[in-house]
Amino acid sequence: MPAHMLSYLVALPFIAWMMWRRISRQFGRQPIRRKRMVFRVAIFAVVGGLLLLSGLHRLALAEGALAGMLIGGAIGLLGLKLTRFETDPVRGDGYVPNTWIGALLTLLLLGRLAWRFAFIGSQIPPGVEDPMGHAMATHSASPLTMLVVGVLVGYYLVYYSGLLIHHRRFQRAQPTSTASDGI
């Protein structure tokens, strides 16, 4: 077995686990973890800025990323409108994201990854010892890929920011129990 194939076999379970975690966060009740959400907003803001910096290399890449972020932001606002907040005395506050939006974003990401890997695989000439190294060296980023990544970044940036804001409003709107309630 070639050495590069062994590295793919080692990385495959890790990639599958990451995809499973991402998919599981799109469906069912999710706990509100404010610190993690703030961290995610910061990370997505940095990633969004770096995507836009790709325009220094090729303007079409920045245009794709910006268009994707705008589309993702609009989807994020829609996702917020369709999100339900819940309070459970045992499990704490949580939210239920819209299943259809989660499925759409997951399919968009998986579809683009599959398409891109199929395209890169078809461009590798026979007899190359390190096909992935060759593909990365000759591969130039695609504006369509930047659009898809921009959609995900824009969605999560708006969605997590909105979750934090809406959760704060949700907490303020909940009636607080006092000692006089039982009397």
N, C-alpha and C. Protein backbone atom coordinates (compact mmCIF):
# COMPACT_ATOMS: atom_id res chain seq x y z
N MET A 1 0.85 -1.17 0.00
CA MET A 1 0.00 0.00 0.00
C MET A 1 0.90 1.24 0.00
N PRO A 2 0.63 2.19 -0.91
CA PRO A 2 1.44 3.42 -0.95
C PRO A 2 1.30 4.21 0.36
N ALA A 3 2.35 4.95 0.69
CA ALA A 3 2.38 5.69 1.95
C ALA A 3 1.28 6.75 2.02
N HIS A 4 0.99 7.40 0.89
CA HIS A 4 -0.04 8.45 0.92
C HIS A 4 -1.43 7.86 1.19
N MET A 5 -1.67 6.62 0.78
CA MET A 5 -2.96 5.99 1.04
C MET A 5 -3.12 5.67 2.53
N LEU A 6 -2.02 5.31 3.19
CA LEU A 6 -2.08 5.04 4.61
C LEU A 6 -2.47 6.29 5.39
N SER A 7 -1.93 7.43 5.00
CA SER A 7 -2.28 8.68 5.70
C SER A 7 -3.76 9.02 5.49
N TYR A 8 -4.32 8.69 4.33
CA TYR A 8 -5.75 8.93 4.10
C TYR A 8 -6.59 8.02 4.99
N LEU A 9 -6.17 6.76 5.13
CA LEU A 9 -6.90 5.82 5.96
C LEU A 9 -6.87 6.23 7.44
N VAL A 10 -5.77 6.81 7.86
CA VAL A 10 -5.68 7.29 9.24
C VAL A 10 -6.55 8.53 9.44
N ALA A 11 -6.59 9.41 8.47
CA ALA A 11 -7.35 10.66 8.59
C ALA A 11 -8.85 10.46 8.39
N LEU A 12 -9.25 9.41 7.69
CA LEU A 12 -10.66 9.20 7.38
C LEU A 12 -11.55 9.10 8.62
N PRO A 13 -11.20 8.32 9.65
CA PRO A 13 -12.07 8.29 10.84
C PRO A 13 -12.20 9.66 11.52
N PHE A 14 -11.12 10.42 11.55
CA PHE A 14 -11.17 11.75 12.15
C PHE A 14 -12.11 12.67 11.36
N ILE A 15 -12.02 12.62 10.06
CA ILE A 15 -12.90 13.44 9.21
C ILE A 15 -14.35 13.00 9.38
N ALA A 16 -14.59 11.70 9.44
CA ALA A 16 -15.96 11.19 9.64
C ALA A 16 -16.51 11.64 10.99
N TRP A 17 -15.68 11.60 12.03
CA TRP A 17 -16.12 12.05 13.35
C TRP A 17 -16.45 13.54 13.33
N MET A 18 -15.63 14.36 12.67
CA MET A 18 -15.90 15.80 12.58
C MET A 18 -17.21 16.06 11.84
N MET A 19 -17.45 15.34 10.77
CA MET A 19 -18.70 15.52 10.03
C MET A 19 -19.90 15.09 10.86
N TRP A 20 -19.76 14.00 11.62
CA TRP A 20 -20.85 13.53 12.47
C TRP A 20 -21.19 14.59 13.53
N ARG A 21 -20.16 15.18 14.14
CA ARG A 21 -20.40 16.23 15.14
C ARG A 21 -21.10 17.42 14.52
N ARG A 22 -20.68 17.81 13.33
CA ARG A 22 -21.28 18.95 12.67
C ARG A 22 -22.74 18.67 12.34
N ILE A 23 -23.01 17.49 11.83
CA ILE A 23 -24.38 17.13 11.46
C ILE A 23 -25.26 17.02 12.70
N SER A 24 -24.74 16.45 13.78
CA SER A 24 -25.57 16.28 14.98
C SER A 24 -25.93 17.62 15.61
N ARG A 25 -25.15 18.67 15.37
CA ARG A 25 -25.48 19.98 15.92
C ARG A 25 -26.59 20.67 15.13
N GLN A 26 -26.97 20.12 14.00
CA GLN A 26 -28.01 20.73 13.19
C GLN A 26 -29.40 20.20 13.51
N PHE A 27 -29.48 19.14 14.29
CA PHE A 27 -30.77 18.48 14.51
C PHE A 27 -31.02 18.28 16.00
N GLY A 28 -32.28 18.46 16.40
CA GLY A 28 -32.67 18.20 17.78
C GLY A 28 -32.29 19.31 18.73
N ARG A 29 -32.64 19.11 19.98
CA ARG A 29 -32.41 20.11 21.02
C ARG A 29 -30.91 20.27 21.28
N GLN A 30 -30.47 21.52 21.34
CA GLN A 30 -29.07 21.83 21.61
C GLN A 30 -28.99 22.70 22.87
N PRO A 31 -28.04 22.43 23.75
CA PRO A 31 -27.90 23.27 24.94
C PRO A 31 -27.29 24.62 24.58
N ILE A 32 -27.66 25.63 25.35
CA ILE A 32 -27.07 26.96 25.15
C ILE A 32 -25.81 27.01 26.00
N ARG A 33 -24.71 27.18 25.32
CA ARG A 33 -23.41 27.33 26.00
C ARG A 33 -22.82 28.65 25.53
N ARG A 34 -23.06 29.68 26.32
CA ARG A 34 -22.72 31.05 25.92
C ARG A 34 -21.24 31.22 25.59
N LYS A 35 -20.35 30.70 26.40
CA LYS A 35 -18.92 30.89 26.16
C LYS A 35 -18.50 30.25 24.85
N ARG A 36 -19.00 29.06 24.58
CA ARG A 36 -18.67 28.40 23.31
C ARG A 36 -19.21 29.18 22.12
N MET A 37 -20.41 29.72 22.28
CA MET A 37 -21.00 30.49 21.18
C MET A 37 -20.22 31.77 20.92
N VAL A 38 -19.79 32.45 21.99
CA VAL A 38 -18.98 33.66 21.81
C VAL A 38 -17.67 33.31 21.12
N PHE A 39 -17.06 32.19 21.53
CA PHE A 39 -15.82 31.74 20.90
C PHE A 39 -16.05 31.44 19.41
N ARG A 40 -17.16 30.78 19.09
CA ARG A 40 -17.46 30.46 17.70
C ARG A 40 -17.69 31.72 16.87
N VAL A 41 -18.38 32.70 17.44
CA VAL A 41 -18.59 33.97 16.73
C VAL A 41 -17.25 34.61 16.42
N ALA A 42 -16.35 34.61 17.39
CA ALA A 42 -15.02 35.20 17.17
C ALA A 42 -14.26 34.44 16.08
N ILE A 43 -14.29 33.12 16.14
CA ILE A 43 -13.59 32.32 15.13
C ILE A 43 -14.17 32.56 13.74
N PHE A 44 -15.50 32.56 13.63
CA PHE A 44 -16.11 32.78 12.31
C PHE A 44 -15.85 34.19 11.80
N ALA A 45 -15.75 35.18 12.68
CA ALA A 45 -15.41 36.53 12.25
C ALA A 45 -13.99 36.57 11.68
N VAL A 46 -13.07 35.88 12.34
CA VAL A 46 -11.68 35.83 11.85
C VAL A 46 -11.63 35.09 10.51
N VAL A 47 -12.31 33.95 10.43
CA VAL A 47 -12.31 33.19 9.18
C VAL A 47 -12.93 34.01 8.05
N GLY A 48 -14.02 34.73 8.35
CA GLY A 48 -14.64 35.58 7.34
C GLY A 48 -13.70 36.66 6.85
N GLY A 49 -12.96 37.27 7.78
CA GLY A 49 -11.98 38.28 7.38
C GLY A 49 -10.87 37.69 6.53
N LEU A 50 -10.41 36.51 6.89
CA LEU A 50 -9.36 35.86 6.09
C LEU A 50 -9.87 35.48 4.70
N LEU A 51 -11.12 35.06 4.62
CA LEU A 51 -11.69 34.75 3.30
C LEU A 51 -11.72 35.99 2.42
N LEU A 52 -12.07 37.11 3.01
CA LEU A 52 -12.11 38.35 2.23
C LEU A 52 -10.71 38.80 1.82
N LEU A 53 -9.72 38.46 2.62
CA LEU A 53 -8.34 38.80 2.25
C LEU A 53 -7.86 38.02 1.04
N SER A 54 -8.55 36.93 0.71
CA SER A 54 -8.17 36.17 -0.48
C SER A 54 -8.31 37.02 -1.73
N GLY A 55 -9.07 38.11 -1.64
CA GLY A 55 -9.20 39.02 -2.76
C GLY A 55 -7.91 39.73 -3.10
N LEU A 56 -6.95 39.73 -2.18
CA LEU A 56 -5.65 40.31 -2.49
C LEU A 56 -4.92 39.47 -3.53
N HIS A 57 -5.23 38.18 -3.53
CA HIS A 57 -4.62 37.26 -4.49
C HIS A 57 -5.43 37.22 -5.79
N ARG A 58 -6.73 37.07 -5.65
CA ARG A 58 -7.63 36.97 -6.80
C ARG A 58 -8.98 37.55 -6.42
N LEU A 59 -9.41 38.60 -7.07
CA LEU A 59 -10.63 39.32 -6.71
C LEU A 59 -11.86 38.42 -6.77
N ALA A 60 -11.90 37.49 -7.70
CA ALA A 60 -13.07 36.61 -7.84
C ALA A 60 -13.28 35.76 -6.58
N LEU A 61 -12.20 35.42 -5.89
CA LEU A 61 -12.33 34.63 -4.66
C LEU A 61 -13.00 35.45 -3.56
N ALA A 62 -12.60 36.71 -3.42
CA ALA A 62 -13.21 37.58 -2.41
C ALA A 62 -14.66 37.86 -2.76
N GLU A 63 -14.95 38.03 -4.03
CA GLU A 63 -16.34 38.26 -4.44
C GLU A 63 -17.21 37.05 -4.10
N GLY A 64 -16.70 35.84 -4.37
CA GLY A 64 -17.44 34.63 -4.03
C GLY A 64 -17.66 34.52 -2.53
N ALA A 65 -16.62 34.81 -1.75
CA ALA A 65 -16.73 34.73 -0.29
C ALA A 65 -17.72 35.76 0.24
N LEU A 66 -17.67 36.99 -0.27
CA LEU A 66 -18.57 38.04 0.19
C LEU A 66 -20.02 37.73 -0.18
N ALA A 67 -20.23 37.27 -1.40
CA ALA A 67 -21.59 36.90 -1.82
C ALA A 67 -22.11 35.76 -0.95
N GLY A 68 -21.25 34.78 -0.67
CA GLY A 68 -21.64 33.67 0.19
C GLY A 68 -21.98 34.13 1.60
N MET A 69 -21.18 35.05 2.15
CA MET A 69 -21.46 35.54 3.50
C MET A 69 -22.78 36.30 3.56
N LEU A 70 -23.08 37.06 2.52
CA LEU A 70 -24.37 37.77 2.49
C LEU A 70 -25.54 36.79 2.41
N ILE A 71 -25.41 35.79 1.57
CA ILE A 71 -26.47 34.77 1.45
C ILE A 71 -26.58 34.00 2.77
N GLY A 72 -25.44 33.60 3.33
CA GLY A 72 -25.44 32.88 4.60
C GLY A 72 -26.03 33.71 5.72
N GLY A 73 -25.75 35.01 5.74
CA GLY A 73 -26.34 35.88 6.76
C GLY A 73 -27.85 35.93 6.65
N ALA A 74 -28.36 35.98 5.42
CA ALA A 74 -29.81 35.98 5.23
C ALA A 74 -30.43 34.65 5.68
N ILE A 75 -29.75 33.55 5.38
CA ILE A 75 -30.23 32.24 5.83
C ILE A 75 -30.16 32.16 7.35
N GLY A 76 -29.12 32.76 7.94
CA GLY A 76 -28.99 32.78 9.40
C GLY A 76 -30.14 33.53 10.06
N LEU A 77 -30.56 34.65 9.46
CA LEU A 77 -31.71 35.39 10.00
C LEU A 77 -32.99 34.56 9.90
N LEU A 78 -33.15 33.87 8.78
CA LEU A 78 -34.31 32.98 8.63
C LEU A 78 -34.25 31.86 9.66
N GLY A 79 -33.07 31.29 9.84
CA GLY A 79 -32.89 30.23 10.82
C GLY A 79 -33.24 30.69 12.24
N LEU A 80 -32.89 31.93 12.56
CA LEU A 80 -33.23 32.46 13.88
C LEU A 80 -34.74 32.58 14.07
N LYS A 81 -35.43 33.00 13.02
CA LYS A 81 -36.89 33.11 13.11
C LYS A 81 -37.55 31.75 13.34
N LEU A 82 -36.93 30.70 12.81
CA LEU A 82 -37.50 29.37 12.90
C LEU A 82 -36.97 28.55 14.08
N THR A 83 -36.11 29.14 14.89
CA THR A 83 -35.54 28.45 16.04
C THR A 83 -36.47 28.59 17.25
N ARG A 84 -36.62 27.48 17.98
CA ARG A 84 -37.42 27.50 19.22
C ARG A 84 -36.49 27.46 20.42
N PHE A 85 -36.81 28.25 21.42
CA PHE A 85 -36.06 28.23 22.67
C PHE A 85 -36.86 27.45 23.70
N GLU A 86 -36.16 26.68 24.52
CA GLU A 86 -36.81 25.87 25.54
C GLU A 86 -36.07 26.02 26.87
N THR A 87 -36.83 25.89 27.95
CA THR A 87 -36.25 25.87 29.28
C THR A 87 -36.63 24.56 29.94
N ASP A 88 -35.64 23.88 30.44
CA ASP A 88 -35.85 22.61 31.14
C ASP A 88 -35.14 22.73 32.49
N PRO A 89 -35.86 22.45 33.59
CA PRO A 89 -35.23 22.60 34.90
C PRO A 89 -34.01 21.68 35.10
N VAL A 90 -33.99 20.57 34.41
CA VAL A 90 -32.88 19.63 34.57
C VAL A 90 -31.75 19.92 33.57
N ARG A 91 -32.11 20.06 32.31
CA ARG A 91 -31.09 20.23 31.26
C ARG A 91 -30.73 21.68 31.00
N GLY A 92 -31.47 22.63 31.56
CA GLY A 92 -31.17 24.05 31.37
C GLY A 92 -31.76 24.58 30.08
N ASP A 93 -31.34 25.76 29.72
CA ASP A 93 -31.85 26.41 28.51
C ASP A 93 -31.28 25.72 27.28
N GLY A 94 -32.10 25.70 26.24
CA GLY A 94 -31.67 25.09 24.99
C GLY A 94 -32.42 25.70 23.83
N TYR A 95 -32.07 25.27 22.66
CA TYR A 95 -32.74 25.73 21.44
C TYR A 95 -32.86 24.56 20.49
N VAL A 96 -33.85 24.66 19.62
CA VAL A 96 -34.07 23.64 18.61
C VAL A 96 -33.96 24.31 17.25
N PRO A 97 -32.85 24.07 16.52
CA PRO A 97 -32.69 24.68 15.20
C PRO A 97 -33.64 24.05 14.19
N ASN A 98 -33.90 24.78 13.13
CA ASN A 98 -34.75 24.28 12.07
C ASN A 98 -34.05 23.13 11.34
N THR A 99 -34.73 22.01 11.24
CA THR A 99 -34.15 20.81 10.63
C THR A 99 -33.86 21.00 9.15
N TRP A 100 -34.74 21.68 8.43
CA TRP A 100 -34.57 21.85 6.99
C TRP A 100 -33.36 22.71 6.65
N ILE A 101 -33.16 23.76 7.42
CA ILE A 101 -31.99 24.61 7.15
C ILE A 101 -30.71 23.84 7.47
N GLY A 102 -30.71 23.08 8.57
CA GLY A 102 -29.54 22.26 8.90
C GLY A 102 -29.23 21.24 7.82
N ALA A 103 -30.28 20.60 7.30
CA ALA A 103 -30.09 19.61 6.24
C ALA A 103 -29.57 20.27 4.97
N LEU A 104 -30.11 21.43 4.63
CA LEU A 104 -29.67 22.15 3.42
C LEU A 104 -28.20 22.52 3.52
N LEU A 105 -27.78 23.06 4.65
CA LEU A 105 -26.38 23.46 4.80
C LEU A 105 -25.45 22.25 4.80
N THR A 106 -25.88 21.17 5.41
CA THR A 106 -25.06 19.95 5.41
C THR A 106 -24.91 19.40 4.00
N LEU A 107 -26.01 19.33 3.26
CA LEU A 107 -25.95 18.83 1.88
C LEU A 107 -25.11 19.75 1.00
N LEU A 108 -25.22 21.05 1.21
CA LEU A 108 -24.42 22.00 0.45
C LEU A 108 -22.94 21.75 0.67
N LEU A 109 -22.54 21.60 1.92
CA LEU A 109 -21.13 21.37 2.23
C LEU A 109 -20.65 20.04 1.69
N LEU A 110 -21.39 18.97 1.96
CA LEU A 110 -20.96 17.64 1.50
C LEU A 110 -20.95 17.55 -0.03
N GLY A 111 -21.95 18.15 -0.66
CA GLY A 111 -22.00 18.15 -2.13
C GLY A 111 -20.83 18.88 -2.75
N ARG A 112 -20.48 20.05 -2.20
CA ARG A 112 -19.36 20.80 -2.75
C ARG A 112 -18.04 20.08 -2.50
N LEU A 113 -17.88 19.48 -1.32
CA LEU A 113 -16.66 18.72 -1.05
C LEU A 113 -16.52 17.54 -2.02
N ALA A 114 -17.61 16.81 -2.20
CA ALA A 114 -17.57 15.66 -3.12
C ALA A 114 -17.26 16.11 -4.54
N TRP A 115 -17.89 17.17 -4.98
CA TRP A 115 -17.66 17.68 -6.34
C TRP A 115 -16.21 18.12 -6.50
N ARG A 116 -15.69 18.83 -5.51
CA ARG A 116 -14.33 19.35 -5.61
C ARG A 116 -13.30 18.22 -5.60
N PHE A 117 -13.50 17.22 -4.72
CA PHE A 117 -12.57 16.10 -4.69
C PHE A 117 -12.64 15.29 -5.98
N ALA A 118 -13.82 15.14 -6.55
CA ALA A 118 -13.95 14.43 -7.82
C ALA A 118 -13.24 15.20 -8.93
N PHE A 119 -13.37 16.52 -8.92
CA PHE A 119 -12.72 17.35 -9.93
C PHE A 119 -11.21 17.29 -9.79
N ILE A 120 -10.72 17.43 -8.55
CA ILE A 120 -9.27 17.37 -8.32
C ILE A 120 -8.73 15.99 -8.71
N GLY A 121 -9.47 14.94 -8.35
CA GLY A 121 -9.02 13.59 -8.69
C GLY A 121 -8.94 13.35 -10.18
N SER A 122 -9.82 13.98 -10.94
CA SER A 122 -9.80 13.79 -12.40
C SER A 122 -8.67 14.58 -13.06
N GLN A 123 -8.08 15.53 -12.38
CA GLN A 123 -7.03 16.37 -12.95
C GLN A 123 -5.62 15.83 -12.70
N ILE A 124 -5.50 14.74 -11.95
CA ILE A 124 -4.18 14.20 -11.60
C ILE A 124 -3.71 13.28 -12.73
N PRO A 125 -2.56 13.57 -13.30
CA PRO A 125 -2.05 12.70 -14.37
C PRO A 125 -1.61 11.35 -13.80
N PRO A 126 -1.71 10.30 -14.60
CA PRO A 126 -1.29 8.97 -14.12
C PRO A 126 0.22 8.94 -13.87
N GLY A 127 0.61 8.13 -12.88
CA GLY A 127 2.03 7.96 -12.58
C GLY A 127 2.57 8.93 -11.56
N VAL A 128 1.76 9.82 -11.03
CA VAL A 128 2.23 10.76 -10.02
C VAL A 128 2.30 10.01 -8.69
N GLU A 129 3.45 10.10 -7.98
CA GLU A 129 3.63 9.37 -6.73
C GLU A 129 2.78 9.91 -5.59
N ASP A 130 2.66 11.22 -5.48
CA ASP A 130 1.88 11.84 -4.40
C ASP A 130 0.73 12.62 -5.03
N PRO A 131 -0.39 11.94 -5.30
CA PRO A 131 -1.47 12.62 -6.00
C PRO A 131 -2.04 13.80 -5.24
N MET A 132 -2.15 13.70 -3.91
CA MET A 132 -2.72 14.82 -3.17
C MET A 132 -1.78 16.01 -3.16
N GLY A 133 -0.49 15.75 -3.03
CA GLY A 133 0.49 16.83 -3.10
C GLY A 133 0.46 17.52 -4.45
N HIS A 134 0.34 16.74 -5.52
CA HIS A 134 0.25 17.30 -6.86
C HIS A 134 -1.04 18.12 -7.01
N ALA A 135 -2.13 17.59 -6.49
CA ALA A 135 -3.41 18.29 -6.60
C ALA A 135 -3.36 19.61 -5.85
N MET A 136 -2.77 19.62 -4.67
CA MET A 136 -2.70 20.86 -3.90
C MET A 136 -1.75 21.87 -4.55
N ALA A 137 -0.69 21.39 -5.15
CA ALA A 137 0.26 22.30 -5.77
C ALA A 137 -0.32 22.93 -7.03
N THR A 138 -1.10 22.20 -7.78
CA THR A 138 -1.64 22.72 -9.03
C THR A 138 -3.05 23.26 -8.89
N HIS A 139 -3.65 23.09 -7.73
CA HIS A 139 -5.03 23.49 -7.50
C HIS A 139 -5.11 24.98 -7.20
N SER A 140 -6.00 25.65 -7.85
CA SER A 140 -6.27 27.03 -7.48
C SER A 140 -7.67 27.08 -6.92
N ALA A 141 -7.87 27.90 -5.90
CA ALA A 141 -9.17 27.97 -5.23
C ALA A 141 -10.23 28.43 -6.22
N SER A 142 -11.43 27.95 -6.00
CA SER A 142 -12.55 28.24 -6.87
C SER A 142 -13.46 29.27 -6.23
N PRO A 143 -13.96 30.25 -7.00
CA PRO A 143 -14.93 31.19 -6.44
C PRO A 143 -16.20 30.49 -5.95
N LEU A 144 -16.57 29.39 -6.59
CA LEU A 144 -17.75 28.65 -6.14
C LEU A 144 -17.51 28.01 -4.77
N THR A 145 -16.30 27.47 -4.56
CA THR A 145 -15.96 26.93 -3.26
C THR A 145 -15.95 28.04 -2.22
N MET A 146 -15.42 29.19 -2.56
CA MET A 146 -15.42 30.32 -1.64
C MET A 146 -16.84 30.78 -1.34
N LEU A 147 -17.73 30.69 -2.32
CA LEU A 147 -19.13 31.04 -2.10
C LEU A 147 -19.75 30.10 -1.07
N VAL A 148 -19.52 28.80 -1.22
CA VAL A 148 -20.09 27.81 -0.29
C VAL A 148 -19.51 28.01 1.11
N VAL A 149 -18.21 28.21 1.21
CA VAL A 149 -17.59 28.44 2.51
C VAL A 149 -18.12 29.75 3.10
N GLY A 150 -18.28 30.76 2.25
CA GLY A 150 -18.84 32.04 2.71
C GLY A 150 -20.26 31.90 3.22
N VAL A 151 -21.07 31.06 2.57
CA VAL A 151 -22.44 30.81 3.05
C VAL A 151 -22.39 30.23 4.46
N LEU A 152 -21.53 29.25 4.68
CA LEU A 152 -21.43 28.62 6.00
C LEU A 152 -20.92 29.62 7.05
N VAL A 153 -19.90 30.39 6.71
CA VAL A 153 -19.35 31.36 7.65
C VAL A 153 -20.39 32.44 7.96
N GLY A 154 -21.04 32.98 6.94
CA GLY A 154 -22.06 34.01 7.16
C GLY A 154 -23.22 33.49 7.98
N TYR A 155 -23.66 32.26 7.68
CA TYR A 155 -24.77 31.68 8.42
C TYR A 155 -24.42 31.55 9.90
N TYR A 156 -23.28 30.90 10.20
CA TYR A 156 -22.94 30.66 11.59
C TYR A 156 -22.61 31.95 12.34
N LEU A 157 -22.02 32.91 11.68
CA LEU A 157 -21.73 34.19 12.31
C LEU A 157 -23.03 34.88 12.74
N VAL A 158 -23.98 34.96 11.83
CA VAL A 158 -25.27 35.59 12.14
C VAL A 158 -26.08 34.72 13.10
N TYR A 159 -26.10 33.42 12.88
CA TYR A 159 -26.93 32.53 13.68
C TYR A 159 -26.48 32.50 15.14
N TYR A 160 -25.18 32.29 15.39
CA TYR A 160 -24.70 32.25 16.77
C TYR A 160 -24.82 33.61 17.45
N SER A 161 -24.54 34.68 16.72
CA SER A 161 -24.73 36.01 17.30
C SER A 161 -26.19 36.22 17.66
N GLY A 162 -27.08 35.85 16.76
CA GLY A 162 -28.50 35.98 17.02
C GLY A 162 -28.98 35.10 18.15
N LEU A 163 -28.42 33.89 18.25
CA LEU A 163 -28.79 33.01 19.37
C LEU A 163 -28.43 33.65 20.71
N LEU A 164 -27.26 34.26 20.76
CA LEU A 164 -26.85 34.91 22.00
C LEU A 164 -27.80 36.06 22.35
N ILE A 165 -28.15 36.86 21.37
CA ILE A 165 -29.06 38.00 21.60
C ILE A 165 -30.45 37.50 21.97
N HIS A 166 -30.98 36.57 21.20
CA HIS A 166 -32.33 36.06 21.47
C HIS A 166 -32.40 35.30 22.79
N HIS A 167 -31.35 34.60 23.16
CA HIS A 167 -31.35 33.89 24.43
C HIS A 167 -31.42 34.88 25.58
N ARG A 168 -30.69 35.97 25.46
CA ARG A 168 -30.73 37.01 26.51
C ARG A 168 -32.15 37.56 26.63
N ARG A 169 -32.78 37.84 25.49
CA ARG A 169 -34.17 38.32 25.51
C ARG A 169 -35.12 37.27 26.08
N PHE A 170 -34.90 36.02 25.72
CA PHE A 170 -35.72 34.92 26.21
C PHE A 170 -35.63 34.81 27.72
N GLN A 171 -34.42 34.95 28.27
CA GLN A 171 -34.23 34.89 29.71
C GLN A 171 -34.96 36.04 30.41
N ARG A 172 -34.89 37.22 29.83
CA ARG A 172 -35.56 38.38 30.44
C ARG A 172 -37.07 38.25 30.39
N ALA A 173 -37.60 37.58 29.38
CA ALA A 173 -39.04 37.45 29.22
C ALA A 173 -39.63 36.35 30.11
N GLN A 174 -38.80 35.46 30.62
CA GLN A 174 -39.29 34.37 31.48
C GLN A 174 -39.67 34.93 32.84
N PRO A 175 -40.81 34.50 33.36
CA PRO A 175 -41.17 34.96 34.71
C PRO A 175 -40.21 34.37 35.73
N THR A 176 -39.79 35.20 36.65
CA THR A 176 -38.88 34.72 37.69
C THR A 176 -39.70 34.29 38.89
N SER A 177 -39.30 33.19 39.48
CA SER A 177 -40.02 32.71 40.66
C SER A 177 -39.44 33.36 41.90
N THR A 178 -40.31 33.74 42.80
CA THR A 178 -39.86 34.35 44.05
C THR A 178 -40.41 33.53 45.20
N ALA A 179 -39.96 33.85 46.39
CA ALA A 179 -40.39 33.10 47.57
C ALA A 179 -41.88 33.32 47.85
N SER A 180 -42.43 34.45 47.38
CA SER A 180 -43.84 34.73 47.64
C SER A 180 -44.79 33.97 46.70
N ASP A 181 -44.24 33.33 45.69
CA ASP A 181 -45.10 32.58 44.74
C ASP A 181 -45.82 31.43 45.43
N GLY A 182 -45.17 30.80 46.39
CA GLY A 182 -45.74 29.63 47.03
C GLY A 182 -46.69 29.97 48.18
N ILE A 183 -46.79 31.23 48.54
CA ILE A 183 -47.61 31.61 49.70
C ILE A 183 -49.00 32.00 49.26
